[in-house]
Amino acid sequence: MKVTMSDLILLGHATFGILGTLSALWVFVEALNAREENAARIRLAVAAVAISMCAAGVLGGYWYLNAYPADKAIIRCAATSKGNESRWLRRLECGRRPPPLLWRL
């Protein structure tokens, strides 16, 4: 199985998003039982949330700008549907000229 850099970036985006969500749950649970003894753990959990969510956002943004346009073209051109209107739009998106009637609309 061939794993591309795009796949790794997308996997990292999802992984950091899940870690950030779990860390946010950790902050919530620690804050319900907030005492002086667990203040350091709360700070650690808050830092984990911030780092994980920032990493997920950066990786997702990088993937969206650099890898998604190629995937988007494949998705749109390979889509199949029964309606005529969708078929015309698919032709337009894939670089083929739609029927003349659509150009008049």
N, C-alpha and C. Protein backbone atom coordinates (compact mmCIF):
# COMPACT_ATOMS: atom_id res chain seq x y z
N MET A 1 0.84 -1.18 0.00
CA MET A 1 0.00 0.00 0.00
C MET A 1 0.89 1.24 0.00
N LYS A 2 0.63 2.13 -0.92
CA LYS A 2 1.44 3.33 -1.06
C LYS A 2 0.82 4.46 -0.22
N VAL A 3 1.59 4.97 0.72
CA VAL A 3 1.14 6.06 1.57
C VAL A 3 1.86 7.33 1.12
N THR A 4 1.09 8.34 0.75
CA THR A 4 1.68 9.59 0.28
C THR A 4 1.81 10.58 1.42
N MET A 5 2.54 11.64 1.16
CA MET A 5 2.69 12.69 2.15
C MET A 5 1.34 13.34 2.45
N SER A 6 0.50 13.45 1.45
CA SER A 6 -0.84 14.00 1.65
C SER A 6 -1.63 13.16 2.65
N ASP A 7 -1.51 11.84 2.54
CA ASP A 7 -2.19 10.95 3.48
C ASP A 7 -1.67 11.14 4.91
N LEU A 8 -0.37 11.28 5.05
CA LEU A 8 0.22 11.46 6.38
C LEU A 8 -0.21 12.78 7.01
N ILE A 9 -0.27 13.82 6.20
CA ILE A 9 -0.70 15.12 6.72
C ILE A 9 -2.16 15.05 7.16
N LEU A 10 -2.99 14.41 6.36
CA LEU A 10 -4.40 14.27 6.71
C LEU A 10 -4.58 13.42 7.97
N LEU A 11 -3.79 12.37 8.11
CA LEU A 11 -3.83 11.54 9.31
C LEU A 11 -3.39 12.34 10.54
N GLY A 12 -2.35 13.14 10.38
CA GLY A 12 -1.89 13.99 11.49
C GLY A 12 -2.94 15.00 11.89
N HIS A 13 -3.63 15.56 10.91
CA HIS A 13 -4.71 16.52 11.19
C HIS A 13 -5.79 15.87 12.04
N ALA A 14 -6.23 14.70 11.65
CA ALA A 14 -7.28 14.00 12.40
C ALA A 14 -6.78 13.58 13.79
N THR A 15 -5.55 13.11 13.87
CA THR A 15 -4.99 12.66 15.14
C THR A 15 -4.89 13.81 16.14
N PHE A 16 -4.36 14.95 15.70
CA PHE A 16 -4.26 16.09 16.60
C PHE A 16 -5.63 16.63 16.98
N GLY A 17 -6.59 16.55 16.07
CA GLY A 17 -7.95 16.97 16.41
C GLY A 17 -8.56 16.10 17.50
N ILE A 18 -8.36 14.80 17.40
CA ILE A 18 -8.88 13.89 18.43
C ILE A 18 -8.16 14.10 19.75
N LEU A 19 -6.83 14.26 19.69
CA LEU A 19 -6.08 14.51 20.92
C LEU A 19 -6.52 15.82 21.58
N GLY A 20 -6.78 16.83 20.78
CA GLY A 20 -7.26 18.10 21.33
C GLY A 20 -8.62 17.97 21.98
N THR A 21 -9.49 17.19 21.36
CA THR A 21 -10.82 16.98 21.93
C THR A 21 -10.74 16.20 23.24
N LEU A 22 -9.93 15.16 23.27
CA LEU A 22 -9.76 14.40 24.51
C LEU A 22 -9.10 15.25 25.60
N SER A 23 -8.18 16.11 25.21
CA SER A 23 -7.54 17.00 26.19
C SER A 23 -8.54 18.01 26.73
N ALA A 24 -9.45 18.47 25.88
CA ALA A 24 -10.49 19.39 26.36
C ALA A 24 -11.41 18.69 27.36
N LEU A 25 -11.70 17.44 27.12
CA LEU A 25 -12.49 16.66 28.10
C LEU A 25 -11.72 16.52 29.40
N TRP A 26 -10.42 16.32 29.29
CA TRP A 26 -9.56 16.23 30.48
C TRP A 26 -9.62 17.54 31.28
N VAL A 27 -9.56 18.67 30.60
CA VAL A 27 -9.66 19.97 31.28
C VAL A 27 -11.00 20.08 31.99
N PHE A 28 -12.07 19.67 31.33
CA PHE A 28 -13.41 19.75 31.91
C PHE A 28 -13.50 18.92 33.19
N VAL A 29 -13.00 17.69 33.13
CA VAL A 29 -13.06 16.81 34.30
C VAL A 29 -12.20 17.35 35.44
N GLU A 30 -11.02 17.84 35.10
CA GLU A 30 -10.15 18.42 36.14
C GLU A 30 -10.76 19.68 36.74
N ALA A 31 -11.43 20.49 35.92
CA ALA A 31 -12.03 21.73 36.41
C ALA A 31 -13.24 21.46 37.31
N LEU A 32 -13.91 20.34 37.11
CA LEU A 32 -15.03 19.99 37.99
C LEU A 32 -14.55 19.74 39.41
N ASN A 33 -13.33 19.28 39.55
CA ASN A 33 -12.75 18.97 40.85
C ASN A 33 -11.53 19.85 41.09
N ALA A 34 -11.65 21.13 40.81
CA ALA A 34 -10.51 22.05 40.88
C ALA A 34 -10.11 22.30 42.33
N ARG A 35 -8.84 22.04 42.60
CA ARG A 35 -8.23 22.32 43.89
C ARG A 35 -6.82 22.82 43.65
N GLU A 36 -6.19 23.24 44.69
CA GLU A 36 -4.81 23.72 44.56
C GLU A 36 -3.87 22.59 44.14
N GLU A 37 -4.18 21.36 44.53
CA GLU A 37 -3.31 20.23 44.23
C GLU A 37 -3.29 19.87 42.74
N ASN A 38 -4.42 20.09 42.06
CA ASN A 38 -4.44 19.70 40.63
C ASN A 38 -4.35 20.90 39.69
N ALA A 39 -3.92 22.03 40.17
CA ALA A 39 -3.76 23.21 39.32
C ALA A 39 -2.70 22.98 38.24
N ALA A 40 -1.64 22.28 38.59
CA ALA A 40 -0.59 22.00 37.60
C ALA A 40 -1.10 21.07 36.49
N ARG A 41 -1.94 20.09 36.86
CA ARG A 41 -2.51 19.20 35.86
C ARG A 41 -3.47 19.94 34.94
N ILE A 42 -4.21 20.90 35.51
CA ILE A 42 -5.13 21.69 34.69
C ILE A 42 -4.35 22.52 33.68
N ARG A 43 -3.26 23.14 34.13
CA ARG A 43 -2.42 23.92 33.22
C ARG A 43 -1.82 23.04 32.12
N LEU A 44 -1.39 21.85 32.48
CA LEU A 44 -0.85 20.91 31.51
C LEU A 44 -1.91 20.51 30.48
N ALA A 45 -3.11 20.25 30.96
CA ALA A 45 -4.20 19.87 30.05
C ALA A 45 -4.58 21.02 29.13
N VAL A 46 -4.61 22.23 29.65
CA VAL A 46 -4.93 23.40 28.82
C VAL A 46 -3.85 23.59 27.75
N ALA A 47 -2.60 23.41 28.12
CA ALA A 47 -1.52 23.52 27.13
C ALA A 47 -1.65 22.43 26.06
N ALA A 48 -2.04 21.22 26.48
CA ALA A 48 -2.23 20.12 25.51
C ALA A 48 -3.36 20.45 24.54
N VAL A 49 -4.44 21.05 25.04
CA VAL A 49 -5.54 21.44 24.17
C VAL A 49 -5.07 22.47 23.15
N ALA A 50 -4.38 23.49 23.63
CA ALA A 50 -3.94 24.57 22.73
C ALA A 50 -2.96 24.05 21.67
N ILE A 51 -2.01 23.25 22.08
CA ILE A 51 -1.01 22.74 21.13
C ILE A 51 -1.66 21.80 20.12
N SER A 52 -2.51 20.89 20.60
CA SER A 52 -3.15 19.92 19.70
C SER A 52 -4.07 20.61 18.69
N MET A 53 -4.87 21.54 19.15
CA MET A 53 -5.80 22.20 18.24
C MET A 53 -5.06 23.09 17.23
N CYS A 54 -4.01 23.76 17.68
CA CYS A 54 -3.22 24.56 16.74
C CYS A 54 -2.55 23.68 15.69
N ALA A 55 -2.00 22.55 16.13
CA ALA A 55 -1.36 21.63 15.19
C ALA A 55 -2.38 21.07 14.20
N ALA A 56 -3.58 20.73 14.68
CA ALA A 56 -4.62 20.23 13.78
C ALA A 56 -5.01 21.30 12.77
N GLY A 57 -5.14 22.53 13.21
CA GLY A 57 -5.50 23.62 12.29
C GLY A 57 -4.42 23.89 11.25
N VAL A 58 -3.18 23.87 11.68
CA VAL A 58 -2.07 24.11 10.74
C VAL A 58 -1.97 22.98 9.72
N LEU A 59 -2.04 21.75 10.18
CA LEU A 59 -1.96 20.62 9.25
C LEU A 59 -3.15 20.58 8.30
N GLY A 60 -4.34 20.84 8.82
CA GLY A 60 -5.52 20.87 7.96
C GLY A 60 -5.46 21.99 6.94
N GLY A 61 -5.01 23.15 7.35
CA GLY A 61 -4.87 24.26 6.42
C GLY A 61 -3.83 24.01 5.35
N TYR A 62 -2.72 23.43 5.75
CA TYR A 62 -1.67 23.09 4.78
C TYR A 62 -2.19 22.09 3.76
N TRP A 63 -2.90 21.07 4.25
CA TRP A 63 -3.44 20.05 3.34
C TRP A 63 -4.48 20.66 2.40
N TYR A 64 -5.32 21.54 2.95
CA TYR A 64 -6.37 22.16 2.13
C TYR A 64 -5.76 23.01 1.01
N LEU A 65 -4.70 23.73 1.31
CA LEU A 65 -4.09 24.60 0.30
C LEU A 65 -3.25 23.84 -0.72
N ASN A 66 -2.59 22.77 -0.30
CA ASN A 66 -1.63 22.11 -1.18
C ASN A 66 -2.10 20.80 -1.78
N ALA A 67 -2.93 20.04 -1.10
CA ALA A 67 -3.29 18.71 -1.60
C ALA A 67 -4.75 18.60 -2.02
N TYR A 68 -5.63 19.38 -1.44
CA TYR A 68 -7.05 19.21 -1.71
C TYR A 68 -7.47 19.57 -3.13
N PRO A 69 -6.90 20.60 -3.78
CA PRO A 69 -7.35 20.90 -5.15
C PRO A 69 -7.25 19.71 -6.11
N ALA A 70 -6.20 18.93 -6.02
CA ALA A 70 -6.07 17.75 -6.89
C ALA A 70 -7.12 16.70 -6.53
N ASP A 71 -7.33 16.47 -5.23
CA ASP A 71 -8.34 15.50 -4.81
C ASP A 71 -9.74 15.98 -5.18
N LYS A 72 -9.97 17.27 -5.05
CA LYS A 72 -11.28 17.84 -5.35
C LYS A 72 -11.63 17.63 -6.83
N ALA A 73 -10.67 17.81 -7.72
CA ALA A 73 -10.92 17.60 -9.15
C ALA A 73 -11.27 16.15 -9.44
N ILE A 74 -10.59 15.24 -8.77
CA ILE A 74 -10.89 13.81 -8.97
C ILE A 74 -12.29 13.49 -8.45
N ILE A 75 -12.62 14.03 -7.29
CA ILE A 75 -13.94 13.76 -6.70
C ILE A 75 -15.05 14.30 -7.60
N ARG A 76 -14.91 15.51 -8.05
CA ARG A 76 -15.97 16.12 -8.86
C ARG A 76 -16.13 15.44 -10.22
N CYS A 77 -15.04 15.06 -10.85
CA CYS A 77 -15.13 14.44 -12.17
C CYS A 77 -15.58 12.99 -12.10
N ALA A 78 -15.36 12.34 -10.98
CA ALA A 78 -15.74 10.94 -10.85
C ALA A 78 -17.13 10.76 -10.28
N ALA A 79 -17.75 11.85 -9.84
CA ALA A 79 -19.08 11.74 -9.23
C ALA A 79 -20.10 11.30 -10.28
N THR A 80 -20.99 10.47 -9.85
CA THR A 80 -22.05 10.02 -10.75
C THR A 80 -23.39 10.36 -10.13
N SER A 81 -24.30 10.81 -10.95
CA SER A 81 -25.66 11.06 -10.49
C SER A 81 -26.61 10.87 -11.65
N LYS A 82 -27.89 10.80 -11.34
CA LYS A 82 -28.90 10.50 -12.35
C LYS A 82 -29.44 11.76 -13.03
N GLY A 83 -29.43 12.90 -12.35
CA GLY A 83 -30.05 14.10 -12.89
C GLY A 83 -29.28 14.74 -14.02
N ASN A 84 -30.00 15.30 -15.01
CA ASN A 84 -29.36 15.95 -16.15
C ASN A 84 -28.60 17.19 -15.72
N GLU A 85 -29.18 17.94 -14.80
CA GLU A 85 -28.52 19.17 -14.36
C GLU A 85 -27.16 18.85 -13.74
N SER A 86 -27.08 17.82 -12.92
CA SER A 86 -25.82 17.44 -12.31
C SER A 86 -24.82 17.01 -13.38
N ARG A 87 -25.29 16.32 -14.41
CA ARG A 87 -24.40 15.89 -15.47
C ARG A 87 -23.82 17.10 -16.20
N TRP A 88 -24.63 18.13 -16.43
CA TRP A 88 -24.14 19.35 -17.09
C TRP A 88 -23.12 20.05 -16.22
N LEU A 89 -23.41 20.14 -14.92
CA LEU A 89 -22.46 20.78 -14.02
C LEU A 89 -21.16 20.00 -13.96
N ARG A 90 -21.24 18.68 -13.98
CA ARG A 90 -20.04 17.86 -13.94
C ARG A 90 -19.21 18.09 -15.20
N ARG A 91 -19.88 18.21 -16.35
CA ARG A 91 -19.15 18.50 -17.58
C ARG A 91 -18.44 19.84 -17.49
N LEU A 92 -19.12 20.81 -16.92
CA LEU A 92 -18.54 22.14 -16.79
C LEU A 92 -17.32 22.11 -15.87
N GLU A 93 -17.43 21.39 -14.75
CA GLU A 93 -16.33 21.33 -13.79
C GLU A 93 -15.15 20.53 -14.32
N CYS A 94 -15.39 19.58 -15.19
CA CYS A 94 -14.31 18.74 -15.73
C CYS A 94 -13.72 19.30 -17.02
N GLY A 95 -14.12 20.51 -17.40
CA GLY A 95 -13.52 21.15 -18.55
C GLY A 95 -14.20 20.85 -19.87
N ARG A 96 -15.33 20.18 -19.85
CA ARG A 96 -16.06 19.92 -21.09
C ARG A 96 -17.19 20.92 -21.22
N ARG A 97 -17.52 21.26 -22.42
CA ARG A 97 -18.55 22.25 -22.67
C ARG A 97 -19.94 21.61 -22.49
N PRO A 98 -20.80 22.25 -21.69
CA PRO A 98 -22.15 21.72 -21.50
C PRO A 98 -23.02 22.05 -22.72
N PRO A 99 -24.24 21.53 -22.76
CA PRO A 99 -25.14 21.84 -23.87
C PRO A 99 -25.38 23.35 -23.97
N PRO A 100 -25.66 23.86 -25.17
CA PRO A 100 -25.81 25.31 -25.38
C PRO A 100 -26.91 25.93 -24.53
N LEU A 101 -27.93 25.19 -24.19
CA LEU A 101 -29.03 25.73 -23.41
C LEU A 101 -28.55 26.24 -22.05
N LEU A 102 -27.63 25.54 -21.44
CA LEU A 102 -27.13 25.92 -20.12
C LEU A 102 -26.40 27.27 -20.18
N TRP A 103 -25.74 27.55 -21.30
CA TRP A 103 -25.02 28.82 -21.42
C TRP A 103 -25.98 30.00 -21.49
N ARG A 104 -27.20 29.79 -21.93
CA ARG A 104 -28.18 30.89 -22.02
C ARG A 104 -28.81 31.21 -20.69
N LEU A 105 -28.76 30.32 -19.74
CA LEU A 105 -29.40 30.54 -18.44
C LEU A 105 -28.67 31.51 -17.61
